[in-house]
Amino acid sequence: MGSPPPGLAGRWRRLFAGLLDWLIVNVATAPFTWTSWEYAWNGARGGWERYPVEHTFAAGLVAFLYFWLLHAFWNGQTLGKKVFGIRVVQENGAKIGVGQAAIRQAVMSALAWACCVGLLLDLGWILFDPRKQAIHDKVARTVVVLA
């Protein structure tokens, strides 16, 4: 792995690009997230009870596609990365591939679904890594650089 390549994106740029992407994804997925109510028999109380059911699979799918497809087909950038002048590339500086972008996002999604602890560990890794790589970057063999 050696020393970090020149032009690595700063942690603050990555943070603000990520926050902008988070805002975009949340606005885009708002129509797909709703709560409905289901009824289940509660034997202890001897009656039917109403339970909220979250419908977030579609929102998660839209978020996955947003990051995967933009990274794969838009010069390694999401809208947030474009605004903050950074992009994702392979560790050797080459353009990120479609499969590599999918692996990167799948690992990030899996860590996010691991009850936030995985996501905090993933993103916190950037603070201590000399190449400023998160865990999903390490698995996909990518780095975030200045565009």
N, C-alpha and C. Protein backbone atom coordinates (compact mmCIF):
# COMPACT_ATOMS: atom_id res chain seq x y z
N MET A 1 0.82 -1.19 0.00
CA MET A 1 0.00 0.00 0.00
C MET A 1 0.87 1.26 0.00
N GLY A 2 1.92 1.29 0.75
CA GLY A 2 2.87 2.40 0.69
C GLY A 2 2.30 3.71 1.17
N SER A 3 2.92 4.77 0.68
CA SER A 3 2.51 6.11 1.10
C SER A 3 1.27 6.55 0.33
N PRO A 4 0.56 7.53 0.88
CA PRO A 4 -0.66 7.97 0.23
C PRO A 4 -0.37 8.62 -1.12
N PRO A 5 -1.25 8.42 -2.10
CA PRO A 5 -1.05 9.08 -3.37
C PRO A 5 -1.26 10.58 -3.23
N PRO A 6 -0.66 11.38 -4.09
CA PRO A 6 -0.87 12.82 -4.00
C PRO A 6 -2.31 13.18 -4.35
N GLY A 7 -2.77 14.26 -3.79
CA GLY A 7 -4.11 14.75 -4.12
C GLY A 7 -5.25 14.07 -3.40
N LEU A 8 -4.97 13.41 -2.27
CA LEU A 8 -6.07 12.82 -1.52
C LEU A 8 -7.02 13.91 -1.04
N ALA A 9 -8.29 13.61 -1.09
CA ALA A 9 -9.30 14.57 -0.63
C ALA A 9 -9.22 14.70 0.88
N GLY A 10 -9.42 15.89 1.37
CA GLY A 10 -9.42 16.14 2.80
C GLY A 10 -10.64 15.56 3.48
N ARG A 11 -10.49 15.32 4.77
CA ARG A 11 -11.58 14.73 5.55
C ARG A 11 -12.80 15.65 5.60
N TRP A 12 -12.57 16.95 5.69
CA TRP A 12 -13.70 17.90 5.75
C TRP A 12 -14.47 17.92 4.44
N ARG A 13 -13.76 17.90 3.32
CA ARG A 13 -14.44 17.85 2.02
C ARG A 13 -15.29 16.60 1.90
N ARG A 14 -14.72 15.48 2.34
CA ARG A 14 -15.47 14.23 2.29
C ARG A 14 -16.71 14.31 3.17
N LEU A 15 -16.56 14.90 4.35
CA LEU A 15 -17.69 15.03 5.27
C LEU A 15 -18.79 15.87 4.65
N PHE A 16 -18.45 17.04 4.14
CA PHE A 16 -19.48 17.93 3.60
C PHE A 16 -20.09 17.38 2.31
N ALA A 17 -19.30 16.71 1.49
CA ALA A 17 -19.84 16.07 0.29
C ALA A 17 -20.82 14.97 0.70
N GLY A 18 -20.45 14.21 1.72
CA GLY A 18 -21.32 13.14 2.22
C GLY A 18 -22.61 13.68 2.80
N LEU A 19 -22.53 14.79 3.52
CA LEU A 19 -23.74 15.41 4.08
C LEU A 19 -24.67 15.91 2.97
N LEU A 20 -24.09 16.50 1.93
CA LEU A 20 -24.91 16.96 0.81
C LEU A 20 -25.57 15.77 0.11
N ASP A 21 -24.80 14.70 -0.11
CA ASP A 21 -25.38 13.50 -0.71
C ASP A 21 -26.48 12.91 0.17
N TRP A 22 -26.25 12.90 1.47
CA TRP A 22 -27.26 12.40 2.40
C TRP A 22 -28.55 13.20 2.28
N LEU A 23 -28.42 14.54 2.18
CA LEU A 23 -29.60 15.39 2.03
C LEU A 23 -30.32 15.09 0.72
N ILE A 24 -29.57 14.97 -0.36
CA ILE A 24 -30.16 14.68 -1.68
C ILE A 24 -30.89 13.34 -1.65
N VAL A 25 -30.25 12.32 -1.10
CA VAL A 25 -30.88 10.99 -1.06
C VAL A 25 -32.13 11.02 -0.19
N ASN A 26 -32.08 11.71 0.93
CA ASN A 26 -33.26 11.77 1.79
C ASN A 26 -34.42 12.49 1.15
N VAL A 27 -34.15 13.56 0.42
CA VAL A 27 -35.22 14.26 -0.29
C VAL A 27 -35.78 13.37 -1.40
N ALA A 28 -34.88 12.71 -2.14
CA ALA A 28 -35.30 11.85 -3.25
C ALA A 28 -36.08 10.62 -2.77
N THR A 29 -35.75 10.11 -1.60
CA THR A 29 -36.41 8.90 -1.12
C THR A 29 -37.61 9.16 -0.21
N ALA A 30 -37.88 10.41 0.09
CA ALA A 30 -39.00 10.72 0.98
C ALA A 30 -40.32 10.09 0.51
N PRO A 31 -40.62 10.09 -0.78
CA PRO A 31 -41.87 9.45 -1.20
C PRO A 31 -41.89 7.93 -0.98
N PHE A 32 -40.72 7.32 -0.81
CA PHE A 32 -40.65 5.87 -0.66
C PHE A 32 -40.63 5.42 0.80
N THR A 33 -40.59 6.36 1.71
CA THR A 33 -40.55 6.00 3.13
C THR A 33 -41.87 6.41 3.77
N TRP A 34 -42.57 5.44 4.23
CA TRP A 34 -43.82 5.72 4.90
C TRP A 34 -44.02 4.68 5.98
N THR A 35 -44.93 4.96 6.86
CA THR A 35 -45.26 4.02 7.93
C THR A 35 -46.71 3.61 7.76
N SER A 36 -46.93 2.33 7.81
CA SER A 36 -48.31 1.83 7.82
C SER A 36 -48.50 1.06 9.11
N TRP A 37 -49.69 0.63 9.32
CA TRP A 37 -50.00 -0.06 10.57
C TRP A 37 -50.51 -1.45 10.28
N GLU A 38 -50.01 -2.39 11.02
CA GLU A 38 -50.46 -3.78 10.93
C GLU A 38 -51.05 -4.15 12.29
N TYR A 39 -51.93 -5.13 12.25
CA TYR A 39 -52.53 -5.60 13.50
C TYR A 39 -52.01 -7.00 13.81
N ALA A 40 -51.72 -7.23 15.07
CA ALA A 40 -51.28 -8.54 15.52
C ALA A 40 -51.99 -8.88 16.83
N TRP A 41 -52.28 -10.14 17.00
CA TRP A 41 -52.94 -10.61 18.21
C TRP A 41 -51.95 -10.64 19.36
N ASN A 42 -52.30 -10.01 20.45
CA ASN A 42 -51.49 -10.03 21.66
C ASN A 42 -52.19 -10.95 22.65
N GLY A 43 -51.64 -12.16 22.79
CA GLY A 43 -52.26 -13.15 23.67
C GLY A 43 -52.24 -12.75 25.13
N ALA A 44 -51.21 -12.02 25.54
CA ALA A 44 -51.09 -11.61 26.94
C ALA A 44 -52.21 -10.65 27.32
N ARG A 45 -52.58 -9.80 26.40
CA ARG A 45 -53.64 -8.82 26.67
C ARG A 45 -55.00 -9.29 26.17
N GLY A 46 -54.99 -10.32 25.36
CA GLY A 46 -56.25 -10.87 24.86
C GLY A 46 -56.92 -9.96 23.85
N GLY A 47 -56.15 -9.32 23.02
CA GLY A 47 -56.75 -8.45 22.01
C GLY A 47 -55.78 -8.13 20.89
N TRP A 48 -56.33 -7.46 19.89
CA TRP A 48 -55.53 -7.05 18.74
C TRP A 48 -54.82 -5.74 19.06
N GLU A 49 -53.57 -5.62 18.61
CA GLU A 49 -52.82 -4.38 18.82
C GLU A 49 -52.25 -3.92 17.49
N ARG A 50 -52.14 -2.62 17.40
CA ARG A 50 -51.62 -2.00 16.18
C ARG A 50 -50.12 -1.77 16.32
N TYR A 51 -49.34 -2.15 15.29
CA TYR A 51 -47.89 -1.97 15.29
C TYR A 51 -47.47 -1.20 14.05
N PRO A 52 -46.56 -0.24 14.22
CA PRO A 52 -46.09 0.49 13.03
C PRO A 52 -45.13 -0.39 12.21
N VAL A 53 -45.25 -0.31 10.90
CA VAL A 53 -44.37 -1.03 10.00
C VAL A 53 -43.72 -0.01 9.08
N GLU A 54 -42.40 0.03 9.10
CA GLU A 54 -41.65 0.97 8.25
C GLU A 54 -41.42 0.35 6.88
N HIS A 55 -41.59 1.15 5.85
CA HIS A 55 -41.35 0.71 4.48
C HIS A 55 -40.12 1.45 3.96
N THR A 56 -38.96 0.88 4.24
CA THR A 56 -37.72 1.57 3.89
C THR A 56 -36.88 0.84 2.86
N PHE A 57 -37.31 -0.35 2.42
CA PHE A 57 -36.51 -1.09 1.44
C PHE A 57 -36.35 -0.30 0.15
N ALA A 58 -37.43 0.30 -0.34
CA ALA A 58 -37.34 1.08 -1.58
C ALA A 58 -36.40 2.26 -1.41
N ALA A 59 -36.42 2.91 -0.27
CA ALA A 59 -35.52 4.03 -0.02
C ALA A 59 -34.07 3.56 0.00
N GLY A 60 -33.81 2.43 0.62
CA GLY A 60 -32.46 1.87 0.64
C GLY A 60 -31.98 1.51 -0.76
N LEU A 61 -32.88 0.98 -1.57
CA LEU A 61 -32.53 0.63 -2.95
C LEU A 61 -32.20 1.88 -3.76
N VAL A 62 -33.00 2.92 -3.61
CA VAL A 62 -32.74 4.18 -4.32
C VAL A 62 -31.39 4.76 -3.89
N ALA A 63 -31.11 4.73 -2.60
CA ALA A 63 -29.83 5.24 -2.09
C ALA A 63 -28.66 4.43 -2.65
N PHE A 64 -28.79 3.10 -2.65
CA PHE A 64 -27.73 2.26 -3.21
C PHE A 64 -27.49 2.61 -4.67
N LEU A 65 -28.56 2.70 -5.44
CA LEU A 65 -28.43 3.01 -6.87
C LEU A 65 -27.83 4.39 -7.10
N TYR A 66 -28.20 5.36 -6.29
CA TYR A 66 -27.65 6.72 -6.41
C TYR A 66 -26.13 6.68 -6.32
N PHE A 67 -25.62 6.07 -5.26
CA PHE A 67 -24.17 6.05 -5.05
C PHE A 67 -23.47 5.14 -6.07
N TRP A 68 -24.02 3.96 -6.30
CA TRP A 68 -23.38 3.01 -7.20
C TRP A 68 -23.31 3.55 -8.63
N LEU A 69 -24.44 3.97 -9.16
CA LEU A 69 -24.46 4.39 -10.56
C LEU A 69 -23.70 5.69 -10.81
N LEU A 70 -23.81 6.64 -9.89
CA LEU A 70 -23.06 7.88 -10.09
C LEU A 70 -21.56 7.65 -9.98
N HIS A 71 -21.13 6.87 -9.01
CA HIS A 71 -19.70 6.58 -8.90
C HIS A 71 -19.20 5.83 -10.14
N ALA A 72 -20.00 4.89 -10.62
CA ALA A 72 -19.57 4.06 -11.74
C ALA A 72 -19.59 4.79 -13.08
N PHE A 73 -20.55 5.67 -13.28
CA PHE A 73 -20.75 6.24 -14.62
C PHE A 73 -20.57 7.76 -14.70
N TRP A 74 -20.26 8.41 -13.58
CA TRP A 74 -20.14 9.87 -13.60
C TRP A 74 -18.79 10.29 -13.03
N ASN A 75 -17.73 9.74 -13.58
CA ASN A 75 -16.36 10.10 -13.23
C ASN A 75 -16.04 9.89 -11.75
N GLY A 76 -16.66 8.87 -11.14
CA GLY A 76 -16.37 8.59 -9.74
C GLY A 76 -16.94 9.61 -8.78
N GLN A 77 -17.96 10.34 -9.22
CA GLN A 77 -18.51 11.40 -8.38
C GLN A 77 -20.01 11.25 -8.19
N THR A 78 -20.47 11.65 -7.02
CA THR A 78 -21.88 11.87 -6.75
C THR A 78 -22.09 13.38 -6.88
N LEU A 79 -23.31 13.83 -6.70
CA LEU A 79 -23.55 15.27 -6.76
C LEU A 79 -22.77 16.01 -5.68
N GLY A 80 -22.74 15.44 -4.48
CA GLY A 80 -21.99 16.05 -3.38
C GLY A 80 -20.50 16.11 -3.67
N LYS A 81 -19.95 15.05 -4.20
CA LYS A 81 -18.53 15.04 -4.54
C LYS A 81 -18.22 16.04 -5.66
N LYS A 82 -19.12 16.16 -6.62
CA LYS A 82 -18.92 17.13 -7.71
C LYS A 82 -18.88 18.55 -7.15
N VAL A 83 -19.79 18.89 -6.27
CA VAL A 83 -19.85 20.23 -5.68
C VAL A 83 -18.57 20.53 -4.89
N PHE A 84 -18.05 19.53 -4.18
CA PHE A 84 -16.87 19.75 -3.34
C PHE A 84 -15.55 19.38 -4.02
N GLY A 85 -15.61 19.06 -5.31
CA GLY A 85 -14.40 18.87 -6.09
C GLY A 85 -13.57 17.65 -5.73
N ILE A 86 -14.24 16.53 -5.45
CA ILE A 86 -13.54 15.29 -5.15
C ILE A 86 -14.15 14.16 -5.96
N ARG A 87 -13.42 13.03 -6.07
CA ARG A 87 -13.95 11.88 -6.77
C ARG A 87 -13.29 10.60 -6.27
N VAL A 88 -13.93 9.47 -6.55
CA VAL A 88 -13.43 8.16 -6.15
C VAL A 88 -12.68 7.56 -7.34
N VAL A 89 -11.48 7.05 -7.06
CA VAL A 89 -10.68 6.37 -8.07
C VAL A 89 -10.11 5.08 -7.48
N GLN A 90 -9.57 4.22 -8.35
CA GLN A 90 -8.87 3.05 -7.87
C GLN A 90 -7.60 3.49 -7.15
N GLU A 91 -7.04 2.62 -6.35
CA GLU A 91 -5.83 2.97 -5.59
C GLU A 91 -4.68 3.38 -6.50
N ASN A 92 -4.67 2.89 -7.73
CA ASN A 92 -3.60 3.27 -8.67
C ASN A 92 -3.92 4.54 -9.45
N GLY A 93 -5.06 5.16 -9.16
CA GLY A 93 -5.45 6.40 -9.82
C GLY A 93 -6.35 6.22 -11.03
N ALA A 94 -6.60 4.98 -11.45
CA ALA A 94 -7.46 4.71 -12.60
C ALA A 94 -8.93 4.92 -12.24
N LYS A 95 -9.73 5.07 -13.27
CA LYS A 95 -11.17 5.24 -13.09
C LYS A 95 -11.76 4.02 -12.39
N ILE A 96 -12.70 4.27 -11.48
CA ILE A 96 -13.37 3.18 -10.76
C ILE A 96 -14.29 2.44 -11.73
N GLY A 97 -14.34 1.11 -11.59
CA GLY A 97 -15.17 0.29 -12.45
C GLY A 97 -16.57 0.10 -11.88
N VAL A 98 -17.46 -0.43 -12.71
CA VAL A 98 -18.84 -0.66 -12.30
C VAL A 98 -18.90 -1.65 -11.14
N GLY A 99 -18.19 -2.76 -11.26
CA GLY A 99 -18.19 -3.76 -10.20
C GLY A 99 -17.55 -3.25 -8.93
N GLN A 100 -16.48 -2.50 -9.10
CA GLN A 100 -15.78 -1.93 -7.95
C GLN A 100 -16.68 -0.94 -7.22
N ALA A 101 -17.42 -0.13 -7.97
CA ALA A 101 -18.35 0.82 -7.36
C ALA A 101 -19.47 0.08 -6.63
N ALA A 102 -19.93 -1.04 -7.21
CA ALA A 102 -20.98 -1.83 -6.56
C ALA A 102 -20.48 -2.44 -5.25
N ILE A 103 -19.26 -2.98 -5.26
CA ILE A 103 -18.69 -3.56 -4.04
C ILE A 103 -18.53 -2.48 -2.97
N ARG A 104 -18.02 -1.33 -3.38
CA ARG A 104 -17.81 -0.22 -2.44
C ARG A 104 -19.13 0.16 -1.77
N GLN A 105 -20.18 0.30 -2.57
CA GLN A 105 -21.46 0.71 -2.01
C GLN A 105 -22.13 -0.42 -1.23
N ALA A 106 -21.96 -1.67 -1.67
CA ALA A 106 -22.55 -2.79 -0.94
C ALA A 106 -21.96 -2.90 0.46
N VAL A 107 -20.65 -2.72 0.57
CA VAL A 107 -20.01 -2.78 1.89
C VAL A 107 -20.49 -1.62 2.76
N MET A 108 -20.58 -0.43 2.19
CA MET A 108 -21.05 0.72 2.96
C MET A 108 -22.50 0.50 3.41
N SER A 109 -23.34 -0.01 2.52
CA SER A 109 -24.74 -0.27 2.87
C SER A 109 -24.84 -1.33 3.96
N ALA A 110 -24.06 -2.40 3.85
CA ALA A 110 -24.10 -3.45 4.86
C ALA A 110 -23.66 -2.92 6.22
N LEU A 111 -22.64 -2.09 6.23
CA LEU A 111 -22.19 -1.50 7.50
C LEU A 111 -23.23 -0.52 8.06
N ALA A 112 -23.91 0.20 7.19
CA ALA A 112 -24.95 1.13 7.65
C ALA A 112 -26.14 0.37 8.23
N TRP A 113 -26.47 -0.76 7.64
CA TRP A 113 -27.60 -1.57 8.14
C TRP A 113 -27.24 -2.28 9.43
N ALA A 114 -25.98 -2.31 9.80
CA ALA A 114 -25.55 -2.95 11.04
C ALA A 114 -25.75 -1.99 12.21
N CYS A 115 -26.90 -1.38 12.27
CA CYS A 115 -27.33 -0.54 13.38
C CYS A 115 -26.38 0.63 13.68
N CYS A 116 -26.03 1.36 12.71
CA CYS A 116 -25.24 2.59 12.83
C CYS A 116 -23.82 2.39 13.36
N VAL A 117 -23.60 1.39 14.19
CA VAL A 117 -22.26 1.15 14.74
C VAL A 117 -21.29 0.87 13.60
N GLY A 118 -21.72 0.05 12.65
CA GLY A 118 -20.88 -0.26 11.50
C GLY A 118 -20.57 0.97 10.68
N LEU A 119 -21.55 1.82 10.49
CA LEU A 119 -21.35 3.05 9.72
C LEU A 119 -20.39 4.00 10.44
N LEU A 120 -20.54 4.13 11.75
CA LEU A 120 -19.64 4.99 12.52
C LEU A 120 -18.20 4.47 12.48
N LEU A 121 -18.06 3.15 12.59
CA LEU A 121 -16.73 2.55 12.49
C LEU A 121 -16.16 2.77 11.09
N ASP A 122 -16.99 2.56 10.07
CA ASP A 122 -16.57 2.74 8.68
C ASP A 122 -16.07 4.16 8.43
N LEU A 123 -16.88 5.13 8.78
CA LEU A 123 -16.52 6.51 8.52
C LEU A 123 -15.44 7.01 9.48
N GLY A 124 -15.45 6.52 10.70
CA GLY A 124 -14.41 6.91 11.66
C GLY A 124 -13.03 6.43 11.27
N TRP A 125 -12.98 5.37 10.48
CA TRP A 125 -11.71 4.82 10.04
C TRP A 125 -10.91 5.86 9.27
N ILE A 126 -11.59 6.76 8.59
CA ILE A 126 -10.95 7.81 7.80
C ILE A 126 -10.05 8.68 8.68
N LEU A 127 -10.44 8.89 9.92
CA LEU A 127 -9.69 9.77 10.82
C LEU A 127 -8.30 9.26 11.14
N PHE A 128 -8.11 7.94 11.12
CA PHE A 128 -6.85 7.36 11.55
C PHE A 128 -6.04 6.74 10.41
N ASP A 129 -6.65 6.60 9.26
CA ASP A 129 -5.98 5.95 8.15
C ASP A 129 -5.09 6.94 7.41
N PRO A 130 -3.82 6.61 7.14
CA PRO A 130 -2.93 7.55 6.46
C PRO A 130 -3.38 7.87 5.03
N ARG A 131 -4.14 6.95 4.42
CA ARG A 131 -4.65 7.19 3.06
C ARG A 131 -6.08 7.73 3.07
N LYS A 132 -6.58 8.03 4.27
CA LYS A 132 -7.92 8.58 4.46
C LYS A 132 -8.99 7.67 3.84
N GLN A 133 -8.77 6.37 3.94
CA GLN A 133 -9.72 5.40 3.41
C GLN A 133 -10.68 4.94 4.50
N ALA A 134 -11.96 4.87 4.15
CA ALA A 134 -12.93 4.23 5.02
C ALA A 134 -12.84 2.73 4.77
N ILE A 135 -13.53 1.94 5.57
CA ILE A 135 -13.48 0.49 5.40
C ILE A 135 -14.00 0.11 4.01
N HIS A 136 -15.08 0.77 3.56
CA HIS A 136 -15.61 0.44 2.24
C HIS A 136 -14.61 0.78 1.13
N ASP A 137 -13.76 1.78 1.34
CA ASP A 137 -12.70 2.08 0.38
C ASP A 137 -11.64 0.99 0.38
N LYS A 138 -11.28 0.52 1.56
CA LYS A 138 -10.26 -0.52 1.67
C LYS A 138 -10.71 -1.80 0.98
N VAL A 139 -11.96 -2.20 1.22
CA VAL A 139 -12.48 -3.41 0.61
C VAL A 139 -12.51 -3.29 -0.92
N ALA A 140 -12.96 -2.13 -1.42
CA ALA A 140 -13.08 -1.93 -2.87
C ALA A 140 -11.77 -1.48 -3.51
N ARG A 141 -10.75 -1.22 -2.69
CA ARG A 141 -9.45 -0.75 -3.18
C ARG A 141 -9.59 0.57 -3.93
N THR A 142 -10.24 1.54 -3.25
CA THR A 142 -10.43 2.86 -3.81
C THR A 142 -9.90 3.93 -2.86
N VAL A 143 -9.68 5.11 -3.39
CA VAL A 143 -9.34 6.29 -2.60
C VAL A 143 -10.16 7.46 -3.14
N VAL A 144 -10.33 8.46 -2.31
CA VAL A 144 -11.04 9.66 -2.71
C VAL A 144 -9.99 10.75 -2.91
N VAL A 145 -9.98 11.35 -4.10
CA VAL A 145 -8.97 12.33 -4.46
C VAL A 145 -9.62 13.64 -4.90
N LEU A 146 -8.79 14.66 -5.00
CA LEU A 146 -9.28 15.93 -5.55
C LEU A 146 -9.59 15.74 -7.02
N ALA A 147 -10.67 16.30 -7.47
CA ALA A 147 -11.09 16.12 -8.88
C ALA A 147 -10.31 17.05 -9.80
